[in-house]
Amino acid sequence: MKDVNVVIDIQKPTPKIGFGKPLILGSSTTGHEYKTYLDIDAVKADFATNTEVYKAAFALFNQGDQSPREVAVMCRKTADPPETLTDVLAKAFTKDWYFLVTTSDTLADVTAIADAVEQDNSRQFFFVTSKKTDLTAIKAKKYTRTTAVYHADTSSYPEAAWIGRAGSAEVGSVTWKFKTLTGIQAMNITATELNEVHELGANTYVTKAGDDVTSEGKVVSGEYIDIVHAKDYIKFSIEYAVQKLLNSSPKISYDDTGIAQIESAVKTVLQRAFNQGMIARDADGIGMYGTRFKNRAEVDPADRTARKYSGGEFWFDLAGAIHQTTIRGLIKV
């Protein structure tokens, strides 16, 4: 429940817990209620090493210092009466997590999960496939919150390793391209096939300049993963900050002073986002963001009577990241 709602539109062209926590969605005969694990040994106590849940958790926890500090697991019950994906996802969206991976690689399950994540509009879903036909079907859906990974060895869970490597970094501090994944074998593909994978809206894992790295960092629609992450982070952070202000104050007066308090909370979040690298800086090193909050006199009297304030706006320029470069040289003789 909340009294603050933030809507962000991405205008184009443009010159920790909760936001890095993964959830593994598996299946088992008896099911498994949502549970958080702090290390792979804790997972091993509940899931044998040959289970898909364990393999996914291992990939997440196997990324060294970049590994998440905790991982959540839920399993859908397959015994009669079986639990549907719709049922388990409804429960999952009430829990604490941001990145979702699944142990199922069927196109039907992947599509059902992606549809649910898209509708929820607050999390991200990563899946892996070795089938380009599946990538074609998924691309047609134009998902903005689903990331496809193409890899021959789906059992190594490269998508989970990727989340383990980049998902727990401070939001805004990393791009998802160029990441080396521990325990994942690079694909031996040509530049032509790599371009085909990218055209299908997917990412893969290749060798460049002797380093094994992720080939791109995009969701199916073509948006960058870090931009979706940053947008969610800023939206949630502003909602949380303003809700906390309302909760902790005896009263926020409907005057210019009270409005300034709300604006200040928004500016604090934007400054933090700038410090973390989400927001670009201008030539003088100043964050490229701003706010515009109508004063009391500018607000519709009907809104004042109803104690509703909807006159606040903010903007910012995304910092983004450099993924390609062209450098020209000149030889003088």
C-alpha atoms as a PDB file:
ATOM      1  CA  MET A   1       0.000   0.000   0.000  1.00  0.00           C
ATOM      2  CA  LYS A   2       1.323   3.423  -0.882  1.00  0.00           C
ATOM      3  CA  ASP A   3       0.226   7.022  -1.309  1.00  0.00           C
ATOM      4  CA  VAL A   4       3.030   7.998  -3.680  1.00  0.00           C
ATOM      5  CA  ASN A   5       3.112   7.007  -7.335  1.00  0.00           C
ATOM      6  CA  VAL A   6       6.022   7.822  -9.659  1.00  0.00           C
ATOM      7  CA  VAL A   7       5.753   7.514 -13.431  1.00  0.00           C
ATOM      8  CA  ILE A   8       8.898   7.749 -15.568  1.00  0.00           C
ATOM      9  CA  ASP A   9       8.911   7.945 -19.350  1.00  0.00           C
ATOM     10  CA  ILE A  10      12.154   7.397 -21.249  1.00  0.00           C
ATOM     11  CA  GLN A  11      12.458  10.148 -23.852  1.00  0.00           C
ATOM     12  CA  LYS A  12      14.524   9.171 -26.863  1.00  0.00           C
ATOM     13  CA  PRO A  13      16.925  10.067 -28.138  1.00  0.00           C
ATOM     14  CA  THR A  14      18.711  11.131 -24.985  1.00  0.00           C
ATOM     15  CA  PRO A  15      22.300  12.827 -25.669  1.00  0.00           C
ATOM     16  CA  LYS A  16      21.003  -3.535  -2.382  1.00  0.00           C
ATOM     17  CA  ILE A  17      18.623  -5.881  -1.244  1.00  0.00           C
ATOM     18  CA  GLY A  18      15.586  -5.758  -3.429  1.00  0.00           C
ATOM     19  CA  PHE A  19      17.507  -4.432  -6.436  1.00  0.00           C
ATOM     20  CA  GLY A  20      20.111  -7.150  -6.723  1.00  0.00           C
ATOM     21  CA  LYS A  21      18.426 -10.102  -5.067  1.00  0.00           C
ATOM     22  CA  PRO A  22      17.810 -13.069  -7.392  1.00  0.00           C
ATOM     23  CA  LEU A  23      14.951 -15.547  -7.157  1.00  0.00           C
ATOM     24  CA  ILE A  24      15.307 -19.051  -8.566  1.00  0.00           C
ATOM     25  CA  LEU A  25      11.942 -20.439  -9.644  1.00  0.00           C
ATOM     26  CA  GLY A  26      12.107 -24.223  -9.762  1.00  0.00           C
ATOM     27  CA  SER A  27       9.786 -27.191  -9.468  1.00  0.00           C
ATOM     28  CA  SER A  28       9.617 -30.233  -7.209  1.00  0.00           C
ATOM     29  CA  THR A  29       7.204 -32.947  -6.213  1.00  0.00           C
ATOM     30  CA  THR A  30       6.190 -31.323  -2.940  1.00  0.00           C
ATOM     31  CA  GLY A  31       6.985 -27.721  -3.842  1.00  0.00           C
ATOM     32  CA  HIS A  32       9.126 -25.318  -1.862  1.00  0.00           C
ATOM     33  CA  GLU A  33       7.956 -22.117  -0.236  1.00  0.00           C
ATOM     34  CA  TYR A  34       9.970 -18.903  -0.688  1.00  0.00           C
ATOM     35  CA  LYS A  35      13.213 -19.134   1.285  1.00  0.00           C
ATOM     36  CA  THR A  36      16.389 -17.060   1.381  1.00  0.00           C
ATOM     37  CA  TYR A  37      19.879 -18.611   1.364  1.00  0.00           C
ATOM     38  CA  LEU A  38      23.111 -16.861   2.299  1.00  0.00           C
ATOM     39  CA  ASP A  39      25.538 -19.315   0.659  1.00  0.00           C
ATOM     40  CA  ILE A  40      25.697 -22.393  -1.537  1.00  0.00           C
ATOM     41  CA  ASP A  41      26.126 -24.745   1.445  1.00  0.00           C
ATOM     42  CA  ALA A  42      22.748 -23.626   2.755  1.00  0.00           C
ATOM     43  CA  VAL A  43      21.205 -24.403  -0.632  1.00  0.00           C
ATOM     44  CA  LYS A  44      22.888 -27.820  -0.619  1.00  0.00           C
ATOM     45  CA  ALA A  45      21.141 -28.669   2.646  1.00  0.00           C
ATOM     46  CA  ASP A  46      17.765 -28.436   0.861  1.00  0.00           C
ATOM     47  CA  PHE A  47      18.661 -29.361  -2.730  1.00  0.00           C
ATOM     48  CA  ALA A  48      20.973 -32.125  -3.951  1.00  0.00           C
ATOM     49  CA  THR A  49      23.898 -31.097  -6.133  1.00  0.00           C
ATOM     50  CA  ASN A  50      22.330 -32.753  -9.192  1.00  0.00           C
ATOM     51  CA  THR A  51      19.151 -30.670  -9.000  1.00  0.00           C
ATOM     52  CA  GLU A  52      18.518 -27.741 -11.308  1.00  0.00           C
ATOM     53  CA  VAL A  53      17.914 -25.399  -8.377  1.00  0.00           C
ATOM     54  CA  TYR A  54      21.346 -26.184  -6.959  1.00  0.00           C
ATOM     55  CA  LYS A  55      23.016 -25.670 -10.357  1.00  0.00           C
ATOM     56  CA  ALA A  56      21.363 -22.261 -10.766  1.00  0.00           C
ATOM     57  CA  ALA A  57      22.283 -21.252  -7.214  1.00  0.00           C
ATOM     58  CA  PHE A  58      25.868 -22.387  -7.755  1.00  0.00           C
ATOM     59  CA  ALA A  59      26.172 -20.188 -10.845  1.00  0.00           C
ATOM     60  CA  LEU A  60      24.850 -17.212  -8.861  1.00  0.00           C
ATOM     61  CA  PHE A  61      27.120 -17.734  -5.852  1.00  0.00           C
ATOM     62  CA  ASN A  62      30.179 -18.628  -7.967  1.00  0.00           C
ATOM     63  CA  GLN A  63      31.020 -15.083  -9.088  1.00  0.00           C
ATOM     64  CA  GLY A  64      33.560 -14.220  -6.389  1.00  0.00           C
ATOM     65  CA  ASP A  65      33.331 -10.839  -4.696  1.00  0.00           C
ATOM     66  CA  GLN A  66      30.551  -9.793  -7.073  1.00  0.00           C
ATOM     67  CA  SER A  67      28.237 -12.624  -5.979  1.00  0.00           C
ATOM     68  CA  PRO A  68      24.918 -11.704  -4.357  1.00  0.00           C
ATOM     69  CA  ARG A  69      24.884 -11.767  -0.589  1.00  0.00           C
ATOM     70  CA  GLU A  70      21.673 -13.811  -0.666  1.00  0.00           C
ATOM     71  CA  VAL A  71      19.553 -15.791  -3.093  1.00  0.00           C
ATOM     72  CA  ALA A  72      15.896 -16.765  -2.806  1.00  0.00           C
ATOM     73  CA  VAL A  73      14.309 -20.026  -4.009  1.00  0.00           C
ATOM     74  CA  MET A  74      10.711 -21.023  -4.707  1.00  0.00           C
ATOM     75  CA  CYS A  75       9.518 -24.288  -6.245  1.00  0.00           C
ATOM     76  CA  ARG A  76       6.237 -25.084  -7.945  1.00  0.00           C
ATOM     77  CA  LYS A  77       4.583 -28.270  -6.683  1.00  0.00           C
ATOM     78  CA  THR A  78       4.238 -30.888  -9.427  1.00  0.00           C
ATOM     79  CA  ALA A  79       2.470 -33.622  -7.410  1.00  0.00           C
ATOM     80  CA  ASP A  80      -1.281 -34.006  -7.719  1.00  0.00           C
ATOM     81  CA  PRO A  81      -2.866 -31.512  -7.497  1.00  0.00           C
ATOM     82  CA  PRO A  82      -0.074 -29.620  -9.253  1.00  0.00           C
ATOM     83  CA  GLU A  83       0.521 -25.949  -8.689  1.00  0.00           C
ATOM     84  CA  THR A  84       0.195 -23.753 -11.758  1.00  0.00           C
ATOM     85  CA  LEU A  85       2.743 -21.169 -12.821  1.00  0.00           C
ATOM     86  CA  THR A  86       0.068 -18.529 -12.385  1.00  0.00           C
ATOM     87  CA  ASP A  87      -0.413 -19.544  -8.760  1.00  0.00           C
ATOM     88  CA  VAL A  88       3.270 -19.627  -7.859  1.00  0.00           C
ATOM     89  CA  LEU A  89       4.012 -16.351  -9.646  1.00  0.00           C
ATOM     90  CA  ALA A  90       1.175 -14.626  -7.809  1.00  0.00           C
ATOM     91  CA  LYS A  91       2.868 -15.596  -4.547  1.00  0.00           C
ATOM     92  CA  ALA A  92       6.321 -14.728  -5.854  1.00  0.00           C
ATOM     93  CA  PHE A  93       5.388 -11.127  -6.634  1.00  0.00           C
ATOM     94  CA  THR A  94       4.601 -10.535  -2.955  1.00  0.00           C
ATOM     95  CA  LYS A  95       8.187 -11.471  -1.976  1.00  0.00           C
ATOM     96  CA  ASP A  96      11.550  -9.680  -1.891  1.00  0.00           C
ATOM     97  CA  TRP A  97      13.526 -10.148  -5.114  1.00  0.00           C
ATOM     98  CA  TYR A  98      14.349  -8.300  -8.324  1.00  0.00           C
ATOM     99  CA  PHE A  99      15.983 -10.709 -10.815  1.00  0.00           C
ATOM    100  CA  LEU A 100      14.231 -13.958 -11.711  1.00  0.00           C
ATOM    101  CA  VAL A 101      15.713 -17.111 -13.237  1.00  0.00           C
ATOM    102  CA  THR A 102      13.839 -20.325 -13.911  1.00  0.00           C
ATOM    103  CA  THR A 103      14.933 -23.963 -14.082  1.00  0.00           C
ATOM    104  CA  SER A 104      12.448 -24.593 -16.895  1.00  0.00           C
ATOM    105  CA  ASP A 105      13.577 -23.995 -20.457  1.00  0.00           C
ATOM    106  CA  THR A 106      10.286 -24.747 -22.213  1.00  0.00           C
ATOM    107  CA  LEU A 107       9.033 -21.955 -24.423  1.00  0.00           C
ATOM    108  CA  ALA A 108       5.580 -22.111 -22.824  1.00  0.00           C
ATOM    109  CA  ASP A 109       6.977 -21.599 -19.303  1.00  0.00           C
ATOM    110  CA  VAL A 110       9.405 -18.890 -20.374  1.00  0.00           C
ATOM    111  CA  THR A 111       6.624 -17.006 -22.149  1.00  0.00           C
ATOM    112  CA  ALA A 112       4.239 -17.342 -19.188  1.00  0.00           C
ATOM    113  CA  ILE A 113       6.871 -16.009 -16.775  1.00  0.00           C
ATOM    114  CA  ALA A 114       7.889 -13.185 -19.104  1.00  0.00           C
ATOM    115  CA  ASP A 115       4.245 -12.175 -19.544  1.00  0.00           C
ATOM    116  CA  ALA A 116       3.768 -12.052 -15.765  1.00  0.00           C
ATOM    117  CA  VAL A 117       6.964 -10.046 -15.179  1.00  0.00           C
ATOM    118  CA  GLU A 118       5.967  -7.619 -17.911  1.00  0.00           C
ATOM    119  CA  GLN A 119       2.566  -7.067 -16.337  1.00  0.00           C
ATOM    120  CA  ASP A 120       4.023  -6.650 -12.842  1.00  0.00           C
ATOM    121  CA  ASN A 121       6.324  -3.932 -14.247  1.00  0.00           C
ATOM    122  CA  SER A 122       8.792  -3.849 -11.348  1.00  0.00           C
ATOM    123  CA  ARG A 123      11.241  -6.784 -11.807  1.00  0.00           C
ATOM    124  CA  GLN A 124      13.434  -8.409 -14.465  1.00  0.00           C
ATOM    125  CA  PHE A 125      13.507 -11.964 -15.848  1.00  0.00           C
ATOM    126  CA  PHE A 126      16.520 -13.712 -17.419  1.00  0.00           C
ATOM    127  CA  PHE A 127      16.309 -16.988 -19.349  1.00  0.00           C
ATOM    128  CA  VAL A 128      18.692 -19.121 -21.405  1.00  0.00           C
ATOM    129  CA  THR A 129      18.043 -21.170 -24.525  1.00  0.00           C
ATOM    130  CA  SER A 130      20.037 -23.032 -27.148  1.00  0.00           C
ATOM    131  CA  LYS A 131      17.231 -22.744 -29.699  1.00  0.00           C
ATOM    132  CA  LYS A 132      17.086 -19.843 -32.111  1.00  0.00           C
ATOM    133  CA  THR A 133      13.469 -20.714 -32.881  1.00  0.00           C
ATOM    134  CA  ASP A 134      12.642 -19.898 -29.254  1.00  0.00           C
ATOM    135  CA  LEU A 135      14.485 -16.590 -29.588  1.00  0.00           C
ATOM    136  CA  THR A 136      12.407 -15.755 -32.653  1.00  0.00           C
ATOM    137  CA  ALA A 137       9.170 -16.414 -30.760  1.00  0.00           C
ATOM    138  CA  ILE A 138      10.294 -14.398 -27.752  1.00  0.00           C
ATOM    139  CA  LYS A 139      11.499 -11.464 -29.835  1.00  0.00           C
ATOM    140  CA  ALA A 140       8.042 -11.145 -31.378  1.00  0.00           C
ATOM    141  CA  LYS A 141       6.699 -10.370 -27.893  1.00  0.00           C
ATOM    142  CA  LYS A 142       8.960  -7.280 -27.604  1.00  0.00           C
ATOM    143  CA  TYR A 143       9.491  -7.781 -23.876  1.00  0.00           C
ATOM    144  CA  THR A 144      10.977  -4.808 -22.034  1.00  0.00           C
ATOM    145  CA  ARG A 145      11.785  -6.731 -18.817  1.00  0.00           C
ATOM    146  CA  THR A 146      13.037 -10.050 -20.167  1.00  0.00           C
ATOM    147  CA  THR A 147      16.637 -10.759 -21.100  1.00  0.00           C
ATOM    148  CA  ALA A 148      17.443 -13.657 -23.424  1.00  0.00           C
ATOM    149  CA  VAL A 149      20.758 -15.506 -23.283  1.00  0.00           C
ATOM    150  CA  TYR A 150      21.750 -17.804 -26.139  1.00  0.00           C
ATOM    151  CA  HIS A 151      24.140 -20.572 -25.099  1.00  0.00           C
ATOM    152  CA  ALA A 152      24.802 -24.195 -26.071  1.00  0.00           C
ATOM    153  CA  ASP A 153      25.239 -25.303 -22.445  1.00  0.00           C
ATOM    154  CA  THR A 154      22.020 -24.273 -20.759  1.00  0.00           C
ATOM    155  CA  SER A 155      22.754 -26.571 -17.806  1.00  0.00           C
ATOM    156  CA  SER A 156      25.565 -24.262 -16.635  1.00  0.00           C
ATOM    157  CA  TYR A 157      23.038 -21.437 -16.146  1.00  0.00           C
ATOM    158  CA  PRO A 158      24.970 -18.605 -17.822  1.00  0.00           C
ATOM    159  CA  GLU A 159      22.030 -16.244 -17.230  1.00  0.00           C
ATOM    160  CA  ALA A 160      22.251 -16.908 -13.476  1.00  0.00           C
ATOM    161  CA  ALA A 161      26.016 -16.394 -13.537  1.00  0.00           C
ATOM    162  CA  TRP A 162      25.467 -13.070 -15.320  1.00  0.00           C
ATOM    163  CA  ILE A 163      23.059 -11.899 -12.634  1.00  0.00           C
ATOM    164  CA  GLY A 164      25.524 -13.097 -10.010  1.00  0.00           C
ATOM    165  CA  ARG A 165      28.293 -11.092 -11.631  1.00  0.00           C
ATOM    166  CA  ALA A 166      26.496  -7.790 -12.281  1.00  0.00           C
ATOM    167  CA  GLY A 167      23.169  -7.778 -10.459  1.00  0.00           C
ATOM    168  CA  SER A 168      24.472  -6.985  -6.983  1.00  0.00           C
ATOM    169  CA  ALA A 169      26.652  -4.064  -8.030  1.00  0.00           C
ATOM    170  CA  GLU A 170      25.459  -0.647  -6.908  1.00  0.00           C
ATOM    171  CA  VAL A 171      22.673   0.281  -9.314  1.00  0.00           C
ATOM    172  CA  GLY A 172      24.062   2.534 -12.027  1.00  0.00           C
ATOM    173  CA  SER A 173      27.697   1.606 -11.429  1.00  0.00           C
ATOM    174  CA  VAL A 174      28.029  -1.082 -14.139  1.00  0.00           C
ATOM    175  CA  THR A 175      26.995  -1.911 -17.662  1.00  0.00           C
ATOM    176  CA  TRP A 176      26.050  -5.539 -18.314  1.00  0.00           C
ATOM    177  CA  LYS A 177      28.226  -5.861 -21.410  1.00  0.00           C
ATOM    178  CA  PHE A 178      31.893  -6.970 -21.139  1.00  0.00           C
ATOM    179  CA  LYS A 179      31.311  -9.098 -17.999  1.00  0.00           C
ATOM    180  CA  THR A 180      33.427 -12.205 -17.390  1.00  0.00           C
ATOM    181  CA  LEU A 181      31.450 -15.075 -15.867  1.00  0.00           C
ATOM    182  CA  THR A 182      33.134 -17.672 -13.693  1.00  0.00           C
ATOM    183  CA  GLY A 183      32.275 -21.243 -14.641  1.00  0.00           C
ATOM    184  CA  ILE A 184      30.797 -20.407 -18.053  1.00  0.00           C
ATOM    185  CA  GLN A 185      32.360 -21.517 -21.334  1.00  0.00           C
ATOM    186  CA  ALA A 186      32.541 -18.953 -24.118  1.00  0.00           C
ATOM    187  CA  MET A 187      30.625 -19.771 -27.288  1.00  0.00           C
ATOM    188  CA  ASN A 188      32.675 -20.538 -30.381  1.00  0.00           C
ATOM    189  CA  ILE A 189      30.677 -18.593 -32.941  1.00  0.00           C
ATOM    190  CA  THR A 190      31.465 -16.386 -35.920  1.00  0.00           C
ATOM    191  CA  ALA A 191      30.878 -12.658 -36.097  1.00  0.00           C
ATOM    192  CA  THR A 192      27.995 -13.362 -38.488  1.00  0.00           C
ATOM    193  CA  GLU A 193      26.302 -15.711 -36.010  1.00  0.00           C
ATOM    194  CA  LEU A 194      26.897 -13.267 -33.177  1.00  0.00           C
ATOM    195  CA  ASN A 195      25.150 -10.565 -35.180  1.00  0.00           C
ATOM    196  CA  GLU A 196      22.271 -12.993 -35.813  1.00  0.00           C
ATOM    197  CA  VAL A 197      21.933 -13.638 -32.068  1.00  0.00           C
ATOM    198  CA  HIS A 198      21.824  -9.908 -31.392  1.00  0.00           C
ATOM    199  CA  GLU A 199      19.247  -9.405 -34.162  1.00  0.00           C
ATOM    200  CA  LEU A 200      17.091 -11.995 -32.392  1.00  0.00           C
ATOM    201  CA  GLY A 201      17.101  -9.804 -29.286  1.00  0.00           C
ATOM    202  CA  ALA A 202      19.470 -12.043 -27.318  1.00  0.00           C
ATOM    203  CA  ASN A 203      22.879 -11.864 -25.684  1.00  0.00           C
ATOM    204  CA  THR A 204      25.592 -14.509 -25.546  1.00  0.00           C
ATOM    205  CA  TYR A 205      29.077 -15.152 -24.166  1.00  0.00           C
ATOM    206  CA  VAL A 206      32.110 -14.822 -26.447  1.00  0.00           C
ATOM    207  CA  THR A 207      35.852 -14.217 -26.486  1.00  0.00           C
ATOM    208  CA  LYS A 208      37.101 -10.720 -27.336  1.00  0.00           C
ATOM    209  CA  ALA A 209      40.763  -9.660 -27.128  1.00  0.00           C
ATOM    210  CA  GLY A 210      41.497 -12.878 -25.267  1.00  0.00           C
ATOM    211  CA  ASP A 211      38.834 -12.308 -22.606  1.00  0.00           C
ATOM    212  CA  ASP A 212      35.577 -14.198 -22.250  1.00  0.00           C
ATOM    213  CA  VAL A 213      32.831 -11.572 -21.910  1.00  0.00           C
ATOM    214  CA  THR A 214      29.111 -11.066 -22.303  1.00  0.00           C
ATOM    215  CA  SER A 215      28.412  -9.918 -25.855  1.00  0.00           C
ATOM    216  CA  GLU A 216      25.783  -7.275 -25.074  1.00  0.00           C
ATOM    217  CA  GLY A 217      23.617  -6.020 -22.226  1.00  0.00           C
ATOM    218  CA  LYS A 218      20.088  -5.649 -23.590  1.00  0.00           C
ATOM    219  CA  VAL A 219      16.584  -6.859 -22.857  1.00  0.00           C
ATOM    220  CA  VAL A 220      14.548  -8.400 -25.685  1.00  0.00           C
ATOM    221  CA  SER A 221      13.104  -5.053 -26.808  1.00  0.00           C
ATOM    222  CA  GLY A 222      16.586  -3.625 -27.278  1.00  0.00           C
ATOM    223  CA  GLU A 223      16.672  -1.410 -24.198  1.00  0.00           C
ATOM    224  CA  TYR A 224      19.742  -1.715 -21.984  1.00  0.00           C
ATOM    225  CA  ILE A 225      19.444  -3.801 -18.823  1.00  0.00           C
ATOM    226  CA  ASP A 226      21.111  -1.145 -16.675  1.00  0.00           C
ATOM    227  CA  ILE A 227      18.649   1.498 -17.855  1.00  0.00           C
ATOM    228  CA  VAL A 228      15.672  -0.649 -16.845  1.00  0.00           C
ATOM    229  CA  HIS A 229      17.420  -1.307 -13.514  1.00  0.00           C
ATOM    230  CA  ALA A 230      18.089   2.400 -12.947  1.00  0.00           C
ATOM    231  CA  LYS A 231      14.534   3.407 -13.844  1.00  0.00           C
ATOM    232  CA  ASP A 232      13.106   0.894 -11.343  1.00  0.00           C
ATOM    233  CA  TYR A 233      15.576   1.952  -8.672  1.00  0.00           C
ATOM    234  CA  ILE A 234      14.774   5.653  -8.975  1.00  0.00           C
ATOM    235  CA  LYS A 235      11.013   5.069  -9.112  1.00  0.00           C
ATOM    236  CA  PHE A 236      11.053   2.887  -5.996  1.00  0.00           C
ATOM    237  CA  SER A 237      13.501   5.141  -4.142  1.00  0.00           C
ATOM    238  CA  ILE A 238      11.412   8.270  -4.684  1.00  0.00           C
ATOM    239  CA  GLU A 239       8.208   6.488  -3.685  1.00  0.00           C
ATOM    240  CA  TYR A 240       9.927   5.126  -0.582  1.00  0.00           C
ATOM    241  CA  ALA A 241      11.556   8.437   0.388  1.00  0.00           C
ATOM    242  CA  VAL A 242       8.366  10.470   0.052  1.00  0.00           C
ATOM    243  CA  GLN A 243       6.265   7.819   1.785  1.00  0.00           C
ATOM    244  CA  LYS A 244       8.756   7.817   4.675  1.00  0.00           C
ATOM    245  CA  LEU A 245       8.532  11.607   4.844  1.00  0.00           C
ATOM    246  CA  LEU A 246       4.736  11.419   5.062  1.00  0.00           C
ATOM    247  CA  ASN A 247       4.898   8.637   7.656  1.00  0.00           C
ATOM    248  CA  SER A 248       7.430  10.320   9.920  1.00  0.00           C
ATOM    249  CA  SER A 249       6.063  13.880   9.943  1.00  0.00           C
ATOM    250  CA  PRO A 250       3.231  15.075  12.206  1.00  0.00           C
ATOM    251  CA  LYS A 251       1.918  16.861   9.125  1.00  0.00           C
ATOM    252  CA  ILE A 252       3.221  18.007   5.766  1.00  0.00           C
ATOM    253  CA  SER A 253       1.455  21.319   5.384  1.00  0.00           C
ATOM    254  CA  TYR A 254      -0.217  22.096   2.079  1.00  0.00           C
ATOM    255  CA  ASP A 255       1.861  25.235   1.588  1.00  0.00           C
ATOM    256  CA  ASP A 256       5.137  26.115  -0.101  1.00  0.00           C
ATOM    257  CA  THR A 257       7.137  24.849   2.875  1.00  0.00           C
ATOM    258  CA  GLY A 258       5.469  21.427   2.811  1.00  0.00           C
ATOM    259  CA  ILE A 259       5.829  21.166  -0.959  1.00  0.00           C
ATOM    260  CA  ALA A 260       9.524  22.038  -0.609  1.00  0.00           C
ATOM    261  CA  GLN A 261       9.942  19.135   1.820  1.00  0.00           C
ATOM    262  CA  ILE A 262       8.621  16.698  -0.759  1.00  0.00           C
ATOM    263  CA  GLU A 263      10.791  18.254  -3.470  1.00  0.00           C
ATOM    264  CA  SER A 264      13.833  17.959  -1.219  1.00  0.00           C
ATOM    265  CA  ALA A 265      13.211  14.224  -0.763  1.00  0.00           C
ATOM    266  CA  VAL A 266      13.073  13.800  -4.547  1.00  0.00           C
ATOM    267  CA  LYS A 267      16.265  15.800  -5.044  1.00  0.00           C
ATOM    268  CA  THR A 268      18.071  13.647  -2.477  1.00  0.00           C
ATOM    269  CA  VAL A 269      17.236  10.510  -4.460  1.00  0.00           C
ATOM    270  CA  LEU A 270      18.327  12.101  -7.733  1.00  0.00           C
ATOM    271  CA  GLN A 271      21.624  13.209  -6.190  1.00  0.00           C
ATOM    272  CA  ARG A 272      22.227   9.654  -4.959  1.00  0.00           C
ATOM    273  CA  ALA A 273      21.429   8.330  -8.438  1.00  0.00           C
ATOM    274  CA  PHE A 274      23.945  10.796  -9.867  1.00  0.00           C
ATOM    275  CA  ASN A 275      26.575   9.720  -7.340  1.00  0.00           C
ATOM    276  CA  GLN A 276      26.040   6.079  -8.323  1.00  0.00           C
ATOM    277  CA  GLY A 277      26.512   6.798 -12.033  1.00  0.00           C
ATOM    278  CA  MET A 278      22.932   6.619 -13.319  1.00  0.00           C
ATOM    279  CA  ILE A 279      22.684  10.308 -14.208  1.00  0.00           C
ATOM    280  CA  ALA A 280      25.037  12.074 -16.607  1.00  0.00           C
ATOM    281  CA  ARG A 281      27.218  15.045 -15.673  1.00  0.00           C
ATOM    282  CA  ASP A 282      27.635  18.190 -17.771  1.00  0.00           C
ATOM    283  CA  ALA A 283      30.899  19.790 -18.869  1.00  0.00           C
ATOM    284  CA  ASP A 284      31.322  21.324 -15.400  1.00  0.00           C
ATOM    285  CA  GLY A 285      30.754  17.999 -13.642  1.00  0.00           C
ATOM    286  CA  ILE A 286      27.266  18.959 -12.451  1.00  0.00           C
ATOM    287  CA  GLY A 287      24.516  16.346 -12.446  1.00  0.00           C
ATOM    288  CA  MET A 288      22.126  16.722 -15.359  1.00  0.00           C
ATOM    289  CA  TYR A 289      18.859  16.513 -13.468  1.00  0.00           C
ATOM    290  CA  GLY A 290      16.257  18.876 -12.094  1.00  0.00           C
ATOM    291  CA  THR A 291      12.852  19.272 -10.484  1.00  0.00           C
ATOM    292  CA  ARG A 292       9.825  21.505 -10.942  1.00  0.00           C
ATOM    293  CA  PHE A 293       7.236  21.512  -8.160  1.00  0.00           C
ATOM    294  CA  LYS A 294       4.247  23.837  -8.425  1.00  0.00           C
ATOM    295  CA  ASN A 295       3.776  26.084  -5.418  1.00  0.00           C
ATOM    296  CA  ARG A 296       0.525  26.260  -3.504  1.00  0.00           C
ATOM    297  CA  ALA A 297      -0.864  29.125  -5.557  1.00  0.00           C
ATOM    298  CA  GLU A 298      -0.404  27.161  -8.786  1.00  0.00           C
ATOM    299  CA  VAL A 299      -2.268  24.070  -7.569  1.00  0.00           C
ATOM    300  CA  ASP A 300      -5.908  23.476  -8.474  1.00  0.00           C
ATOM    301  CA  PRO A 301      -8.051  24.422  -5.438  1.00  0.00           C
ATOM    302  CA  ALA A 302      -9.961  21.141  -5.858  1.00  0.00           C
ATOM    303  CA  ASP A 303      -6.710  19.230  -5.280  1.00  0.00           C
ATOM    304  CA  ARG A 304      -5.964  21.277  -2.186  1.00  0.00           C
ATOM    305  CA  THR A 305      -9.442  20.498  -0.840  1.00  0.00           C
ATOM    306  CA  ALA A 306      -8.903  16.791  -1.532  1.00  0.00           C
ATOM    307  CA  ARG A 307      -5.397  16.978  -0.016  1.00  0.00           C
ATOM    308  CA  LYS A 308      -3.843  15.683  -3.204  1.00  0.00           C
ATOM    309  CA  TYR A 309      -0.649  17.120  -4.651  1.00  0.00           C
ATOM    310  CA  SER A 310       0.241  16.150  -8.208  1.00  0.00           C
ATOM    311  CA  GLY A 311       2.298  19.153  -9.248  1.00  0.00           C
ATOM    312  CA  GLY A 312       5.747  17.637  -8.873  1.00  0.00           C
ATOM    313  CA  GLU A 313       7.973  16.781 -11.824  1.00  0.00           C
ATOM    314  CA  PHE A 314      11.598  15.720 -12.224  1.00  0.00           C
ATOM    315  CA  TRP A 315      13.887  14.977 -15.133  1.00  0.00           C
ATOM    316  CA  PHE A 316      17.363  13.577 -15.670  1.00  0.00           C
ATOM    317  CA  ASP A 317      19.721  12.579 -18.475  1.00  0.00           C
ATOM    318  CA  LEU A 318      20.825   8.969 -18.290  1.00  0.00           C
ATOM    319  CA  ALA A 319      24.571   8.497 -18.134  1.00  0.00           C
ATOM    320  CA  GLY A 320      24.452   5.237 -20.102  1.00  0.00           C
ATOM    321  CA  ALA A 321      27.748   3.585 -21.057  1.00  0.00           C
ATOM    322  CA  ILE A 322      30.071   3.260 -24.054  1.00  0.00           C
ATOM    323  CA  HIS A 323      29.583  -0.149 -25.727  1.00  0.00           C
ATOM    324  CA  GLN A 324      31.319   0.507 -29.048  1.00  0.00           C
ATOM    325  CA  THR A 325      33.878   2.963 -30.312  1.00  0.00           C
ATOM    326  CA  THR A 326      35.430   4.038 -33.596  1.00  0.00           C
ATOM    327  CA  ILE A 327      38.850   5.684 -33.445  1.00  0.00           C
ATOM    328  CA  ARG A 328      40.437   7.198 -36.531  1.00  0.00           C
ATOM    329  CA  GLY A 329      44.140   7.758 -36.979  1.00  0.00           C
ATOM    330  CA  LEU A 330      46.364   9.640 -39.373  1.00  0.00           C
ATOM    331  CA  ILE A 331      49.812   8.602 -40.472  1.00  0.00           C
ATOM    332  CA  LYS A 332      52.050  11.506 -41.487  1.00  0.00           C
ATOM    333  CA  VAL A 333      54.979  10.974 -43.853  1.00  0.00           C
END
